[in-house]
Amino acid sequence: MRPHGLLRSETVITKSESSPRYLRPLAELALTVGVAVALAFLIQAFLVKPYRVPSGSMEPTLGIDQRILVARIDTHPRTGEVVVFHPPHGADLESNQCGDAQQGFTMDGAPLAQACDRSLAGESSQTFVKRVVGAPGDVLRIVGGHVFRNGKPEPDAYIAACDGAAECTFSRSIRVPAGDYYMMGDNRGDSDDSRYWGPVPQRYIIGVAFFTYWPPDRIGVL
C-alpha cells in the first residue's frame, strides 16, 4: 500500500503555472519591449546618437538632411575627424561673435587679419557639425580656405573650393588654446565656424561622427 502524499509522477501546480497560458507570451513580450526601450535610451544617452545635418556647411562631405551616427564616448577627437558639438556663446550673436574684437570679422562681415582664436565665455544650446582642423597648441594659418597646420598643409581633398570668398583668407596665424579645438566646415566659403566665434572647449564636444545611414546612396563610414 503506497504512503499518503504525492506520487513521483505527480506535479505540484504552482501559482504561476495556474495562470492562463495566453498571458505568459504577453508578459514576455512586454518585458522584451521594456528592455529594448531601456537599452535604446541608454545607448542614445551614453554611446551612440543619431543626428540630422541641418545645413550645407559640410558639403560635399555631408548634405542637407543627411543622417549621421555619433559616438558619444569619443570626446577627444583627432584632427580631421567630423564632430558634433555645442559652439561657444558667440555663435548665438549676430555681431561681435569673437572674444577678441580685433579678430574674426567686422560688424560688416569683412575679415580681419586673424581668424578668431578666443571664444566668448558660455556654451550655446545650438548643435553644430564641423571638421576638426586644429588641436590644442596647433598653429594655424588659413589661406584660400586651406588650413596650414604647424606649417604643413591640411590634406583637404574633401573641401569645397572657396572661389575667392573673403572669409577664406587671413594674413596672420593663430594658435589654438590649450583644451580647445578649432572647427571648420568643409564648405569653406559658406560655413559659420571657429573663424567667426573661436575655438571650442573640449567639454562642449558631444562626440565624433563615424557613420552615415541616410540617404541610402550615401550609407558608409566617415
Foldseek 3Di string as FASTA:
>chain_A
DDDDDDDPPDDDQDPVNVPDPVVVVVVVVVVVVVVVVVVVVVCCVAAKNKDFACDDLQPPLDHHRFMFIFGQVALQDDAFFKFKFWAFPLVVDLDPQAPDQQAQAHSVRAGHQHFGAHADDHTHPDMHIFGFHFAAFWKWFFDQQWIQTNNHTDPQPRADGQVPQRLRHHNDIDTHHPQWTFTGHSPSNDTDGCSHGHTGGSVRTRGTTFFTPPDPVSGDTD
